[in-house]
């Protein structure tokens, strides 16, 4: 897929709420009542069991509720073979999916993938997708394998639709999925929105709370 300049890919949309208020346990009626008829609860942008490698909860801007997700290859490591190659990591080339219904606002593809031990701070998100959820909220999934993104700007997606494949592009030291929700399609202009989670498995128990580092999380 060709590289889409951010300026051309910007979708029009109003600013959303800050998302900092703690929501109650998931209830569709609550979200419609509190946030309007377009309110949604977000699913994880992956399928199957993953592990939270890192949270960005100390960030004060667009990444304040962001998480990084990987997959355990065994009980102690996310990679086999010493983790010398991207393909050694269990998360590599796994599907990354839409976290909710919306319209694709930004697609950036064509950023070369890092070799292990390298990082690209210039193109921090690497290959990434932004979804406009049509409610003043936008989600960003980053670090795709170049050429794996299968959606285009303006395309409508539903929760669970595949966007592309987990890779190691951008400011990334290993294959993983970076995910955040924000109030503007361009991350450098955005403030974070706390995701309202649809129920997911967290360490084997149902949860709608933000996960913590080390948590094992899963979505269908």
Protein backbone atom coordinates (compact mmCIF):
# COMPACT_ATOMS: atom_id res chain seq x y z
CA UNK A 1 0.00 0.00 0.00
CA UNK A 2 1.29 3.46 -0.83
CA UNK A 3 2.32 5.94 1.80
CA UNK A 4 -0.51 8.34 2.56
CA UNK A 5 0.65 11.80 3.73
CA UNK A 6 -0.88 12.67 7.06
CA UNK A 7 -2.05 16.05 5.81
CA UNK A 8 -4.14 14.37 3.12
CA UNK A 9 -5.35 11.60 5.37
CA UNK A 10 -6.67 13.86 8.11
CA UNK A 11 -10.32 13.18 8.78
CA UNK A 12 -12.60 15.97 9.94
CA UNK A 13 -13.99 15.48 13.41
CA UNK A 14 -14.72 17.32 16.65
CA UNK A 15 -12.73 17.03 19.81
CA UNK A 16 -13.89 14.40 22.24
CA UNK A 17 -13.92 14.30 26.01
CA UNK A 18 -10.70 13.88 27.92
CA UNK A 19 -11.71 10.38 28.98
CA UNK A 20 -10.08 10.76 32.41
CA UNK A 21 -13.23 10.02 34.46
CA UNK A 22 -13.30 6.46 35.71
CA UNK A 23 -16.15 4.63 33.96
CA UNK A 24 -18.30 2.03 35.72
CA UNK A 25 -18.35 -1.61 34.60
CA UNK A 26 -19.36 -2.02 30.97
CA UNK A 27 -22.99 -1.29 30.21
CA UNK A 28 -24.19 -0.30 26.72
CA UNK A 29 -27.05 1.69 28.23
CA UNK A 30 -24.63 3.63 30.43
CA UNK A 31 -22.40 4.65 27.53
CA UNK A 32 -25.31 5.76 25.36
CA UNK A 33 -26.71 7.78 28.25
CA UNK A 34 -23.43 9.39 29.27
CA UNK A 35 -21.62 9.82 25.97
CA UNK A 36 -24.39 9.90 23.37
CA UNK A 37 -25.71 7.41 20.80
CA UNK A 38 -22.33 7.07 19.08
CA UNK A 39 -20.48 6.03 22.23
CA UNK A 40 -18.69 2.71 21.93
CA UNK A 41 -16.77 0.37 24.19
CA UNK A 42 -13.45 -0.71 22.69
CA UNK A 43 -12.20 -4.24 22.21
CA UNK A 44 -8.51 -5.07 22.29
CA UNK A 45 -6.91 -4.62 18.86
CA UNK A 46 -5.73 -8.24 18.83
CA UNK A 47 -7.17 -11.74 18.93
CA UNK A 48 -6.22 -14.55 21.26
CA UNK A 49 -3.99 -14.23 24.32
CA UNK A 50 -1.39 -11.47 24.53
CA UNK A 51 0.64 -9.91 27.33
CA UNK A 52 0.97 -6.24 28.27
CA UNK A 53 4.64 -5.42 27.72
CA UNK A 54 4.32 -1.81 28.82
CA UNK A 55 1.79 0.81 29.76
CA UNK A 56 2.21 4.53 29.05
CA UNK A 57 0.02 5.65 31.93
CA UNK A 58 2.66 8.15 33.10
CA UNK A 59 2.41 10.05 29.80
CA UNK A 60 0.67 13.43 29.96
CA UNK A 61 -0.46 13.72 26.35
CA UNK A 62 -1.75 11.44 23.60
CA UNK A 63 -0.30 8.22 25.07
CA UNK A 64 -1.60 8.56 28.63
CA UNK A 65 -3.79 5.45 28.26
CA UNK A 66 -1.67 3.63 25.65
CA UNK A 67 -0.49 0.05 26.01
CA UNK A 68 2.04 -2.14 24.20
CA UNK A 69 1.09 -5.76 23.54
CA UNK A 70 3.18 -8.83 22.77
CA UNK A 71 2.78 -12.61 22.92
CA UNK A 72 4.59 -15.02 25.21
CA UNK A 73 6.45 -17.73 23.30
CA UNK A 74 6.77 -19.58 26.61
CA UNK A 75 6.27 -18.71 30.27
CA UNK A 76 9.39 -16.54 30.45
CA UNK A 77 10.06 -15.10 27.01
CA UNK A 78 8.30 -13.45 24.07
CA UNK A 79 10.78 -14.96 21.62
CA UNK A 80 12.50 -18.18 20.69
CA UNK A 81 15.92 -18.65 19.12
CA UNK A 82 17.46 -15.95 21.26
CA UNK A 83 15.24 -13.23 19.82
CA UNK A 84 17.81 -12.30 17.19
CA UNK A 85 15.30 -11.99 14.35
CA UNK A 86 11.88 -10.38 14.18
CA UNK A 87 10.48 -13.75 13.19
CA UNK A 88 11.69 -15.21 16.52
CA UNK A 89 8.95 -13.25 18.31
CA UNK A 90 5.58 -14.91 18.81
CA UNK A 91 3.73 -11.66 18.05
CA UNK A 92 5.36 -11.19 14.67
CA UNK A 93 2.96 -11.35 11.72
CA UNK A 94 -0.07 -11.83 13.97
CA UNK A 95 -3.29 -10.00 12.96
CA UNK A 96 -3.98 -6.52 14.31
CA UNK A 97 -7.70 -5.74 14.27
CA UNK A 98 -10.01 -2.75 14.55
CA UNK A 99 -10.83 -1.94 18.16
CA UNK A 100 -14.25 -0.61 17.21
CA UNK A 101 -16.41 0.43 14.30
CA UNK A 102 -15.37 3.53 12.38
CA UNK A 103 -13.79 5.01 9.27
CA UNK A 104 -10.10 4.78 8.46
CA UNK A 105 -8.67 8.29 8.90
CA UNK A 106 -4.91 7.77 8.39
CA UNK A 107 -2.82 5.02 6.87
CA UNK A 108 0.96 5.21 6.81
CA UNK A 109 2.79 2.33 5.16
CA UNK A 110 6.18 1.78 3.56
CA UNK A 111 8.33 2.47 6.64
CA UNK A 112 11.16 -0.09 6.68
CA UNK A 113 11.14 -2.63 9.44
CA UNK A 114 13.80 -2.48 12.13
CA UNK A 115 16.34 -5.21 12.56
CA UNK A 116 16.72 -6.36 16.15
CA UNK A 117 18.67 -3.84 18.19
CA UNK A 118 17.62 -0.93 15.96
CA UNK A 119 14.91 1.69 16.48
CA UNK A 120 13.51 4.41 14.22
CA UNK A 121 12.71 7.45 16.36
CA UNK A 122 12.15 9.65 13.29
CA UNK A 123 9.09 7.65 12.20
CA UNK A 124 8.05 6.85 15.76
CA UNK A 125 4.81 5.02 14.94
CA UNK A 126 6.32 3.24 11.97
CA UNK A 127 3.54 1.87 9.81
CA UNK A 128 0.26 2.71 11.49
CA UNK A 129 -3.50 3.12 11.16
CA UNK A 130 -5.85 5.65 12.76
CA UNK A 131 -9.58 4.93 12.98
CA UNK A 132 -12.14 7.74 13.30
CA UNK A 133 -14.91 6.31 15.47
CA UNK A 134 -17.28 9.13 14.48
CA UNK A 135 -17.74 10.17 18.11
CA UNK A 136 -14.84 12.59 18.55
CA UNK A 137 -12.50 9.70 19.41
CA UNK A 138 -9.71 8.18 17.33
CA UNK A 139 -7.65 5.06 17.90
CA UNK A 140 -4.12 4.43 16.69
CA UNK A 141 -2.48 1.05 16.15
CA UNK A 142 1.24 1.16 15.34
CA UNK A 143 4.36 -0.80 14.24
CA UNK A 144 2.83 -2.86 11.40
CA UNK A 145 4.93 -4.94 9.02
CA UNK A 146 5.49 -2.80 5.90
CA UNK A 147 3.12 -3.79 3.13
CA UNK A 148 0.81 -5.71 5.45
CA UNK A 149 -1.81 -3.00 5.99
CA UNK A 150 -4.98 -4.00 4.17
CA UNK A 151 -7.25 -0.97 4.73
CA UNK A 152 -7.38 2.41 3.01
CA UNK A 153 -8.36 5.92 4.02
CA UNK A 154 -12.14 6.37 3.95
CA UNK A 155 -12.88 2.66 4.34
CA UNK A 156 -15.50 1.65 6.91
CA UNK A 157 -14.44 -1.05 9.37
CA UNK A 158 -16.15 -3.00 12.12
CA UNK A 159 -14.70 -4.17 15.42
CA UNK A 160 -12.50 -7.20 14.80
CA UNK A 161 -11.78 -6.48 11.11
CA UNK A 162 -8.14 -7.13 10.27
CA UNK A 163 -6.09 -3.99 9.66
CA UNK A 164 -2.68 -5.55 9.05
CA UNK A 165 0.07 -7.55 10.73
CA UNK A 166 2.12 -6.96 13.86
CA UNK A 167 5.67 -5.91 13.09
CA UNK A 168 8.68 -3.95 14.29
CA UNK A 169 8.61 -0.64 12.42
CA UNK A 170 9.14 2.80 13.96
CA UNK A 171 10.38 3.46 17.49
CA UNK A 172 10.20 -0.18 18.43
CA UNK A 173 12.77 -2.63 19.73
CA UNK A 174 10.73 -5.79 19.13
CA UNK A 175 7.57 -6.83 17.27
CA UNK A 176 4.56 -5.59 19.24
CA UNK A 177 1.29 -3.66 18.91
CA UNK A 178 1.07 -0.13 20.27
CA UNK A 179 -2.54 0.97 20.87
CA UNK A 180 -4.01 4.25 22.07
CA UNK A 181 -7.29 6.18 21.95
CA UNK A 182 -7.19 9.98 21.59
CA UNK A 183 -9.29 13.04 20.78
CA UNK A 184 -7.64 14.04 17.48
CA UNK A 185 -6.54 12.00 14.46
CA UNK A 186 -3.00 13.41 14.59
CA UNK A 187 -1.25 12.12 17.68
CA UNK A 188 0.99 15.15 18.15
CA UNK A 189 -2.12 17.35 18.47
CA UNK A 190 -4.12 14.95 20.62
CA UNK A 191 -4.86 14.30 24.24
CA UNK A 192 -5.44 10.77 25.44
CA UNK A 193 -8.90 9.31 25.92
CA UNK A 194 -9.32 6.52 28.46
CA UNK A 195 -10.80 3.59 26.52
CA UNK A 196 -14.16 2.28 27.67
CA UNK A 197 -13.45 -1.43 27.40
CA UNK A 198 -15.89 -4.07 26.27
CA UNK A 199 -15.40 -7.17 28.45
CA UNK A 200 -12.13 -8.99 27.85
CA UNK A 201 -10.18 -11.67 29.69
CA UNK A 202 -7.54 -10.31 32.06
CA UNK A 203 -5.43 -12.93 33.82
CA UNK A 204 -8.26 -15.39 33.27
CA UNK A 205 -11.02 -13.19 34.67
CA UNK A 206 -13.54 -10.92 32.88
CA UNK A 207 -12.60 -7.25 33.09
CA UNK A 208 -13.48 -3.82 31.72
CA UNK A 209 -10.60 -2.05 33.48
CA UNK A 210 -7.37 -0.83 31.85
CA UNK A 211 -4.76 -3.61 32.02
CA UNK A 212 -1.42 -3.32 33.79
CA UNK A 213 2.10 -4.33 32.77
CA UNK A 214 2.46 -8.11 32.85
CA UNK A 215 -1.25 -8.83 32.55
CA UNK A 216 -2.26 -11.64 30.24
CA UNK A 217 -5.17 -10.36 28.17
CA UNK A 218 -7.36 -11.96 25.53
CA UNK A 219 -10.17 -11.09 23.12
CA UNK A 220 -12.05 -13.29 20.70
